[in-house]
Amino acid sequence: PTSEPTTEHAAHGENHHGDGVTIDFNEGTTTVGEAVMLVTDVLLDDEPLEGARVQYDIVRSDAEHHTWLEAPEEKAGMYQTEFRFTETGTYEIEVHVTKGDDLHDHVKKTYIVE
């Protein structure tokens, strides 16, 4: 067997950030005042990344105030926490993933609050 990646795997690799880390967080829309579950799946080389620190940096696009949330690991590679948006608007959520001294990655997504 050869260790060459298949073309399918190579194409998939374009979605990765950094050293084979995939941060999967879905953008969404929610209603002001309602609890929403913010869920992030983290993979390292296509395997669930366990024991990482996942934080959400939440800021409304027209505001300065940042809210930082810790997202505990719910199951292997899946990190989640509940949050209530208190004002309507467009928010940017930056998901930070760190583990040890070597791994620090992040993605930025948009959340609409109506």
C-alpha atoms as a PDB file:
ATOM      1  CA  PRO A   1       0.000   0.000   0.000  1.00  0.00           C
ATOM      2  CA  THR A   2       1.165   3.495  -0.829  1.00  0.00           C
ATOM      3  CA  SER A   3       1.076   6.397   1.607  1.00  0.00           C
ATOM      4  CA  GLU A   4       0.191   8.879  -1.139  1.00  0.00           C
ATOM      5  CA  PRO A   5      -3.060  10.715  -0.388  1.00  0.00           C
ATOM      6  CA  THR A   6      -5.894  10.017  -2.775  1.00  0.00           C
ATOM      7  CA  THR A   7      -7.136  12.950  -4.807  1.00  0.00           C
ATOM      8  CA  GLU A   8     -10.317  12.907  -2.737  1.00  0.00           C
ATOM      9  CA  HIS A   9      -8.300  13.247   0.476  1.00  0.00           C
ATOM     10  CA  ALA A  10      -6.092  15.950  -1.007  1.00  0.00           C
ATOM     11  CA  ALA A  11      -9.113  17.999  -2.080  1.00  0.00           C
ATOM     12  CA  HIS A  12     -10.621  17.587   1.376  1.00  0.00           C
ATOM     13  CA  GLY A  13      -7.369  18.828   2.872  1.00  0.00           C
ATOM     14  CA  GLU A  14      -7.974  22.299   1.476  1.00  0.00           C
ATOM     15  CA  ASN A  15     -10.567  22.860   4.223  1.00  0.00           C
ATOM     16  CA  HIS A  16      -8.010  22.339   6.971  1.00  0.00           C
ATOM     17  CA  HIS A  17      -6.395  25.132   8.926  1.00  0.00           C
ATOM     18  CA  GLY A  18      -2.864  24.817  10.168  1.00  0.00           C
ATOM     19  CA  ASP A  19      -1.563  21.399  11.104  1.00  0.00           C
ATOM     20  CA  GLY A  20      -4.447  19.197  10.071  1.00  0.00           C
ATOM     21  CA  VAL A  21      -6.927  20.874  12.433  1.00  0.00           C
ATOM     22  CA  THR A  22     -10.560  21.193  11.375  1.00  0.00           C
ATOM     23  CA  ILE A  23     -12.848  23.488  13.392  1.00  0.00           C
ATOM     24  CA  ASP A  24     -16.463  22.878  12.465  1.00  0.00           C
ATOM     25  CA  PHE A  25     -18.837  25.542  13.785  1.00  0.00           C
ATOM     26  CA  ASN A  26     -22.088  26.368  12.006  1.00  0.00           C
ATOM     27  CA  GLU A  27     -23.287  29.908  11.487  1.00  0.00           C
ATOM     28  CA  GLY A  28     -26.879  30.474  12.474  1.00  0.00           C
ATOM     29  CA  THR A  29     -29.816  32.674  13.339  1.00  0.00           C
ATOM     30  CA  THR A  30     -31.482  32.874  16.726  1.00  0.00           C
ATOM     31  CA  THR A  31     -34.026  34.956  18.618  1.00  0.00           C
ATOM     32  CA  VAL A  32     -32.920  37.521  21.178  1.00  0.00           C
ATOM     33  CA  GLY A  33     -33.239  36.235  24.756  1.00  0.00           C
ATOM     34  CA  GLU A  34     -33.512  32.573  23.768  1.00  0.00           C
ATOM     35  CA  ALA A  35     -30.847  30.118  24.847  1.00  0.00           C
ATOM     36  CA  VAL A  36     -28.863  28.755  21.920  1.00  0.00           C
ATOM     37  CA  MET A  37     -26.408  25.869  22.056  1.00  0.00           C
ATOM     38  CA  LEU A  38     -23.092  26.785  20.428  1.00  0.00           C
ATOM     39  CA  VAL A  39     -21.464  23.549  19.279  1.00  0.00           C
ATOM     40  CA  THR A  40     -18.009  23.089  17.781  1.00  0.00           C
ATOM     41  CA  ASP A  41     -16.553  19.853  16.454  1.00  0.00           C
ATOM     42  CA  VAL A  42     -12.751  19.796  16.419  1.00  0.00           C
ATOM     43  CA  LEU A  43     -10.761  17.260  14.410  1.00  0.00           C
ATOM     44  CA  LEU A  44      -7.038  16.695  14.183  1.00  0.00           C
ATOM     45  CA  ASP A  45      -6.029  14.670  11.130  1.00  0.00           C
ATOM     46  CA  ASP A  46      -9.703  13.630  10.766  1.00  0.00           C
ATOM     47  CA  GLU A  47      -9.843  12.228  14.320  1.00  0.00           C
ATOM     48  CA  PRO A  48     -11.762  13.901  17.190  1.00  0.00           C
ATOM     49  CA  LEU A  49      -9.439  16.209  19.139  1.00  0.00           C
ATOM     50  CA  GLU A  50      -9.877  15.494  22.836  1.00  0.00           C
ATOM     51  CA  GLY A  51      -8.717  17.589  25.751  1.00  0.00           C
ATOM     52  CA  ALA A  52      -8.493  20.898  23.901  1.00  0.00           C
ATOM     53  CA  ARG A  53      -9.536  24.283  25.257  1.00  0.00           C
ATOM     54  CA  VAL A  54     -12.310  25.792  23.152  1.00  0.00           C
ATOM     55  CA  GLN A  55     -13.398  29.389  23.672  1.00  0.00           C
ATOM     56  CA  TYR A  56     -15.936  31.589  21.908  1.00  0.00           C
ATOM     57  CA  ASP A  57     -15.142  35.274  21.448  1.00  0.00           C
ATOM     58  CA  ILE A  58     -18.530  36.879  20.755  1.00  0.00           C
ATOM     59  CA  VAL A  59     -18.902  40.501  19.660  1.00  0.00           C
ATOM     60  CA  ARG A  60     -21.707  42.436  17.981  1.00  0.00           C
ATOM     61  CA  SER A  61     -20.452  43.897  14.718  1.00  0.00           C
ATOM     62  CA  ASP A  62     -21.188  47.487  15.786  1.00  0.00           C
ATOM     63  CA  ALA A  63     -19.963  47.164  19.385  1.00  0.00           C
ATOM     64  CA  GLU A  64     -16.666  47.032  21.241  1.00  0.00           C
ATOM     65  CA  HIS A  65     -17.671  44.676  24.046  1.00  0.00           C
ATOM     66  CA  HIS A  66     -16.427  41.103  23.704  1.00  0.00           C
ATOM     67  CA  THR A  67     -17.948  38.178  25.581  1.00  0.00           C
ATOM     68  CA  TRP A  68     -15.644  35.202  26.150  1.00  0.00           C
ATOM     69  CA  LEU A  69     -17.131  31.780  26.820  1.00  0.00           C
ATOM     70  CA  GLU A  70     -15.495  28.474  27.643  1.00  0.00           C
ATOM     71  CA  ALA A  71     -16.967  25.502  25.790  1.00  0.00           C
ATOM     72  CA  PRO A  72     -16.505  22.292  27.792  1.00  0.00           C
ATOM     73  CA  GLU A  73     -15.954  19.006  25.987  1.00  0.00           C
ATOM     74  CA  GLU A  74     -19.289  17.194  25.792  1.00  0.00           C
ATOM     75  CA  LYS A  75     -17.929  14.096  24.084  1.00  0.00           C
ATOM     76  CA  ALA A  76     -14.788  13.244  22.122  1.00  0.00           C
ATOM     77  CA  GLY A  77     -13.956  16.264  19.962  1.00  0.00           C
ATOM     78  CA  MET A  78     -17.318  18.002  20.545  1.00  0.00           C
ATOM     79  CA  TYR A  79     -17.349  21.189  22.622  1.00  0.00           C
ATOM     80  CA  GLN A  80     -20.488  23.104  23.483  1.00  0.00           C
ATOM     81  CA  THR A  81     -21.947  25.770  25.718  1.00  0.00           C
ATOM     82  CA  GLU A  82     -25.233  27.620  25.994  1.00  0.00           C
ATOM     83  CA  PHE A  83     -25.532  31.345  25.388  1.00  0.00           C
ATOM     84  CA  ARG A  84     -28.298  33.948  25.346  1.00  0.00           C
ATOM     85  CA  PHE A  85     -27.893  36.947  23.076  1.00  0.00           C
ATOM     86  CA  THR A  86     -29.340  39.988  24.856  1.00  0.00           C
ATOM     87  CA  GLU A  87     -29.523  42.320  21.860  1.00  0.00           C
ATOM     88  CA  THR A  88     -30.522  41.968  18.225  1.00  0.00           C
ATOM     89  CA  GLY A  89     -27.890  42.418  15.548  1.00  0.00           C
ATOM     90  CA  THR A  90     -25.166  40.685  13.627  1.00  0.00           C
ATOM     91  CA  TYR A  91     -22.523  39.029  15.778  1.00  0.00           C
ATOM     92  CA  GLU A  92     -19.135  37.631  14.961  1.00  0.00           C
ATOM     93  CA  ILE A  93     -18.160  34.519  16.855  1.00  0.00           C
ATOM     94  CA  GLU A  94     -14.499  33.614  16.766  1.00  0.00           C
ATOM     95  CA  VAL A  95     -13.873  30.047  17.882  1.00  0.00           C
ATOM     96  CA  HIS A  96     -10.434  29.588  19.471  1.00  0.00           C
ATOM     97  CA  VAL A  97      -8.978  26.105  19.912  1.00  0.00           C
ATOM     98  CA  THR A  98      -5.804  25.551  21.913  1.00  0.00           C
ATOM     99  CA  LYS A  99      -4.056  22.455  23.167  1.00  0.00           C
ATOM    100  CA  GLY A 100      -0.638  22.479  24.792  1.00  0.00           C
ATOM    101  CA  ASP A 101       1.943  24.884  23.428  1.00  0.00           C
ATOM    102  CA  ASP A 102       1.780  23.723  19.831  1.00  0.00           C
ATOM    103  CA  LEU A 103      -1.846  24.009  18.785  1.00  0.00           C
ATOM    104  CA  HIS A 104      -3.676  27.319  18.492  1.00  0.00           C
ATOM    105  CA  ASP A 105      -6.210  27.806  15.742  1.00  0.00           C
ATOM    106  CA  HIS A 106      -9.379  29.787  15.192  1.00  0.00           C
ATOM    107  CA  VAL A 107     -12.225  30.413  12.771  1.00  0.00           C
ATOM    108  CA  LYS A 108     -14.626  33.328  12.577  1.00  0.00           C
ATOM    109  CA  LYS A 109     -18.333  32.883  11.843  1.00  0.00           C
ATOM    110  CA  THR A 110     -21.411  35.126  11.771  1.00  0.00           C
ATOM    111  CA  TYR A 111     -24.527  34.769  13.898  1.00  0.00           C
ATOM    112  CA  ILE A 112     -27.734  36.747  13.260  1.00  0.00           C
ATOM    113  CA  VAL A 113     -29.894  37.628  16.266  1.00  0.00           C
ATOM    114  CA  GLU A 114     -33.436  38.820  15.547  1.00  0.00           C
END
